Each structure stands twice: as C-alpha cells, then as structure tokens.
Amino acid sequence: MPDRPQPDRLDPRALLRDLAALDQALYEAVTVTHTPTLDHALRRLSAAADHSKISFAVAGLLALCPGRPRRAAALGVAAIGVASTTANLLGKRLVRRHRPHRAEDSPFPGRHVPMPKSASFPSGHTASAVAFAAAVGPVLPVATLPLGLLACAVGYSRVHTGVHYPGDVIAGAVLGTGAAAAILAATGWDGPHRTRLP
C-alpha cells in the first residue's frame, strides 16, 4: 500500500516570515496610493492623537455631564492608562520591531508625521483610542459608533502617515480591546441593568 502524503508541519518561523511579508505588502500598498485629499486630514488626525489628546478631550466633555457619561469618561480614561502602559512598557520593549523605512517605501513625504523613536509594535495610538472607545461604548451606547469610527481612523492614520505597519495597528486594537475588557471587568460593569457604578 503506497504511503499517503503527509501534510506539511506548520513551521512557526515560516509563518512569521509570511505574516511579515504580508504586513510589508499591505504597508507598501498604502504608501504608494496617491490620496492628496486624505493626506492633510490624516496627518492632522495622527498628530492630534498623540498622548491620547482627542480621547482626553472627549472624556473631559463627557465628565461635564453627571451620571452615565461621567462614569463612561472615567472608565475610558482608566482603559487608556492600561492600554498605554501595556503597549509602551511591555509590548514595545519585548518585540522591538523597527519602524517602517519611509524614505525607501513612500513617494509622498508630504503625508508624514515625525517618526517616533520608540519601537513600532504595537501601535500605542491605536491601543489607546480603541481602549477608550471599547470602555465608553458599553456604558454610553450612543457613543459606540462615533468613537469606534474615530479609533479606526486613528489606527489607519498611523499607517497612512508612515509610522506603523498594519500589523502594529491590529495588535494595538487587540490590546486596546483587552484593556477595556479588563477595566470593565475590574469595576464590575456587566450591563446597564445589572451593575451600579459609583
């Protein structure tokens, strides 16, 4: 009886190489796409998201309203703290991925923001924006869609402006979602009808 062909064993290193190649290809697809109308807006958005300035501004506005908006603001800010700390003190130090080589890859330098000196993986901007949106949304459902869209725009802006690979942004989004879930769980939030927050 002839031997049956054995399926190839999954090689983790080969898988990582393939994912890195896909990540590079996606990054290059963005960098070579001519989008002059978007360039200015996304550059400003990316810069405005530095140090979570946009999220903190939204939190400040929410905090002016007592009750659920104020609770949502507090949870959102706490989630930013967890996401930012995890991304910058743990993720970037463990992975140490180099930033994209914009001079080689991008024909549109006018869309760039200053290149950060920290490691590329994960995207701290994305982690914080997603953490804020994911923590505020369950407490204040009306804010779910606008904050979610804003977080997606912030994440994409980091690729568009040449400072992150798409994989960095995806990892940041996963980290931000986890940070929000941890904060909601730690504070006992389990929906508007079952849990009362101070």
Protein backbone atom coordinates (compact mmCIF):
# COMPACT_ATOMS: atom_id res chain seq x y z
CA MET A 1 0.00 0.00 0.00
CA PRO A 2 1.60 3.31 -1.03
CA ASP A 3 2.38 5.77 1.67
CA ARG A 4 -0.06 8.63 1.94
CA PRO A 5 1.47 12.08 1.55
CA GLN A 6 2.00 13.63 4.92
CA PRO A 7 0.73 17.17 5.44
CA ASP A 8 3.45 19.74 5.90
CA ARG A 9 4.09 20.57 9.52
CA LEU A 10 3.42 24.13 10.50
CA ASP A 11 6.71 25.95 10.90
CA PRO A 12 6.20 28.91 13.27
CA ARG A 13 9.21 30.74 11.84
CA ALA A 14 7.95 30.33 8.28
CA LEU A 15 4.51 31.53 9.37
CA LEU A 16 6.04 34.62 10.96
CA ARG A 17 8.01 35.31 7.78
CA ASP A 18 4.86 35.02 5.70
CA LEU A 19 2.93 37.33 8.03
CA ALA A 20 5.77 39.86 7.97
CA ALA A 21 5.82 39.75 4.16
CA LEU A 22 2.05 40.29 4.03
CA ASP A 23 2.34 43.12 6.52
CA GLN A 24 5.05 44.78 4.42
CA ALA A 25 2.97 44.37 1.25
CA LEU A 26 -0.08 45.97 2.85
CA TYR A 27 2.03 48.84 4.16
CA GLU A 28 3.54 49.43 0.73
CA ALA A 29 0.09 49.34 -0.90
CA VAL A 30 -0.95 52.23 1.33
CA THR A 31 2.25 54.20 0.84
CA VAL A 32 2.11 54.12 -2.96
CA THR A 33 -1.56 55.09 -3.22
CA HIS A 34 -1.96 58.73 -4.19
CA THR A 35 -4.53 60.32 -1.84
CA PRO A 36 -3.81 64.06 -1.65
CA THR A 37 -7.25 64.88 -0.24
CA LEU A 38 -6.77 62.49 2.68
CA ASP A 39 -3.13 63.25 3.38
CA HIS A 40 -3.62 66.54 5.21
CA ALA A 41 -6.60 65.34 7.27
CA LEU A 42 -4.95 62.08 8.32
CA ARG A 43 -1.68 63.80 9.16
CA ARG A 44 -3.55 66.20 11.45
CA LEU A 45 -5.58 63.37 12.99
CA SER A 46 -2.47 61.31 13.67
CA ALA A 47 -0.76 64.27 15.34
CA ALA A 48 -3.89 65.15 17.33
CA ALA A 49 -3.99 61.60 18.70
CA ASP A 50 -0.54 61.99 20.27
CA HIS A 51 -0.74 61.31 24.01
CA SER A 52 -4.47 60.49 23.56
CA LYS A 53 -5.33 64.18 23.34
CA ILE A 54 -8.53 63.51 21.38
CA SER A 55 -9.77 60.87 23.80
CA PHE A 56 -8.97 63.02 26.82
CA ALA A 57 -10.85 65.93 25.25
CA VAL A 58 -13.89 63.72 24.71
CA ALA A 59 -13.58 62.40 28.26
CA GLY A 60 -13.49 65.96 29.56
CA LEU A 61 -16.71 66.79 27.73
CA LEU A 62 -18.39 63.63 28.99
CA ALA A 63 -17.26 64.35 32.55
CA LEU A 64 -19.23 67.60 32.49
CA CYS A 65 -22.45 65.56 32.43
CA PRO A 66 -23.30 63.69 35.65
CA GLY A 67 -24.41 60.10 35.69
CA ARG A 68 -23.60 57.64 32.94
CA PRO A 69 -21.49 60.00 30.75
CA ARG A 70 -19.21 60.78 33.67
CA ARG A 71 -18.87 57.08 34.53
CA ALA A 72 -18.09 56.34 30.88
CA ALA A 73 -15.39 59.02 30.87
CA ALA A 74 -13.75 57.59 34.00
CA LEU A 75 -13.74 54.06 32.59
CA GLY A 76 -12.41 55.28 29.25
CA VAL A 77 -9.52 57.15 30.86
CA ALA A 78 -8.67 54.12 33.01
CA ALA A 79 -8.67 51.91 29.92
CA ILE A 80 -6.29 54.33 28.17
CA GLY A 81 -3.95 54.06 31.15
CA VAL A 82 -3.89 50.26 30.98
CA ALA A 83 -3.53 50.13 27.20
CA SER A 84 -0.82 52.78 27.01
CA THR A 85 1.20 51.26 29.83
CA THR A 86 0.94 47.77 28.35
CA ALA A 87 1.84 48.91 24.84
CA ASN A 88 4.76 51.13 25.78
CA LEU A 89 6.28 49.38 28.78
CA LEU A 90 5.64 45.79 27.76
CA GLY A 91 4.84 45.33 24.07
CA LYS A 92 7.40 47.68 22.57
CA ARG A 93 10.17 46.51 24.87
CA LEU A 94 9.52 42.83 24.23
CA VAL A 95 9.12 42.92 20.45
CA ARG A 96 11.39 45.85 19.49
CA ARG A 97 10.20 45.98 15.89
CA HIS A 98 11.83 48.64 13.73
CA ARG A 99 9.69 51.44 12.29
CA PRO A 100 8.97 51.46 8.55
CA HIS A 101 11.66 52.83 6.22
CA ARG A 102 9.68 55.71 4.81
CA ALA A 103 12.44 57.15 2.64
CA GLU A 104 12.55 53.89 0.68
CA ASP A 105 8.87 52.99 0.69
CA SER A 106 6.88 56.21 0.38
CA PRO A 107 6.76 58.50 -2.67
CA PHE A 108 4.57 61.02 -0.80
CA PRO A 109 6.63 62.54 2.02
CA GLY A 110 4.10 65.35 2.49
CA ARG A 111 1.79 63.00 4.35
CA HIS A 112 4.36 62.10 7.02
CA VAL A 113 4.37 62.91 10.71
CA PRO A 114 7.60 62.88 12.75
CA MET A 115 8.94 59.36 13.19
CA PRO A 116 8.75 58.28 16.85
CA LYS A 117 11.89 56.91 18.45
CA SER A 118 10.08 54.04 20.18
CA ALA A 119 9.63 50.58 18.69
CA SER A 120 6.89 50.04 16.13
CA PHE A 121 4.96 47.11 17.65
CA PRO A 122 2.26 47.57 18.84
CA SER A 123 0.68 50.90 17.90
CA GLY A 124 0.18 52.80 21.15
CA HIS A 125 -2.05 55.39 19.46
CA THR A 126 -4.38 52.65 18.25
CA ALA A 127 -4.33 50.78 21.55
CA SER A 128 -5.35 53.88 23.49
CA ALA A 129 -8.02 55.01 21.01
CA VAL A 130 -9.59 51.55 20.85
CA ALA A 131 -9.38 51.12 24.63
CA PHE A 132 -11.22 54.39 25.16
CA ALA A 133 -13.92 53.56 22.62
CA ALA A 134 -14.37 50.00 23.90
CA ALA A 135 -14.66 51.11 27.52
CA VAL A 136 -17.02 54.02 26.89
CA GLY A 137 -19.30 52.19 24.44
CA PRO A 138 -20.92 49.67 26.81
CA VAL A 139 -21.68 52.40 29.36
CA LEU A 140 -22.79 55.00 26.83
CA PRO A 141 -24.08 53.13 23.74
CA VAL A 142 -24.79 56.32 21.79
CA ALA A 143 -21.03 56.95 21.68
CA THR A 144 -20.14 53.48 20.37
CA LEU A 145 -20.27 54.22 16.64
CA PRO A 146 -18.57 57.65 16.57
CA LEU A 147 -15.81 56.59 18.96
CA GLY A 148 -15.35 53.31 17.11
CA LEU A 149 -15.01 55.10 13.78
CA LEU A 150 -12.61 57.59 15.34
CA ALA A 151 -10.45 54.76 16.72
CA CYS A 152 -10.37 53.09 13.30
CA ALA A 153 -9.39 56.38 11.67
CA VAL A 154 -6.60 56.92 14.20
CA GLY A 155 -5.28 53.42 13.56
CA TYR A 156 -5.32 53.84 9.80
CA SER A 157 -3.73 57.27 10.05
CA ARG A 158 -0.67 55.71 11.67
CA VAL A 159 -0.12 53.53 8.60
CA HIS A 160 -1.01 56.32 6.17
CA THR A 161 1.50 58.71 7.73
CA GLY A 162 4.23 56.07 7.56
CA VAL A 163 4.98 55.37 11.22
CA HIS A 164 3.41 51.92 11.62
CA TYR A 165 2.81 48.71 9.73
CA PRO A 166 -0.79 47.40 9.57
CA GLY A 167 0.17 44.55 11.90
CA ASP A 168 1.20 47.06 14.55
CA VAL A 169 -2.24 48.66 14.32
CA ILE A 170 -4.07 45.34 14.51
CA ALA A 171 -2.05 44.36 17.58
CA GLY A 172 -2.79 47.74 19.14
CA ALA A 173 -6.51 47.26 18.53
CA VAL A 174 -6.46 43.83 20.16
CA LEU A 175 -4.50 45.22 23.11
CA GLY A 176 -6.90 48.15 23.47
CA THR A 177 -9.92 45.87 23.42
CA GLY A 178 -8.35 43.72 26.10
CA ALA A 179 -7.53 46.74 28.25
CA ALA A 180 -11.12 47.95 28.06
CA ALA A 181 -12.45 44.49 28.90
CA ALA A 182 -10.11 44.31 31.90
CA ILE A 183 -11.26 47.69 33.22
CA LEU A 184 -14.95 46.87 32.75
CA ALA A 185 -14.47 43.53 34.49
CA ALA A 186 -12.43 45.03 37.33
CA THR A 187 -15.07 47.69 38.01
CA GLY A 188 -17.90 45.17 37.88
CA TRP A 189 -19.60 46.65 34.84
CA ASP A 190 -21.89 43.99 33.40
CA GLY A 191 -24.50 45.99 31.56
CA PRO A 192 -26.75 48.93 32.47
CA HIS A 193 -29.35 46.89 34.37
CA ARG A 194 -27.21 44.59 36.48
CA THR A 195 -24.41 46.70 37.89
CA ARG A 196 -24.33 50.09 39.51
CA LEU A 197 -21.15 52.04 39.37
CA PRO A 198 -20.43 54.92 41.76
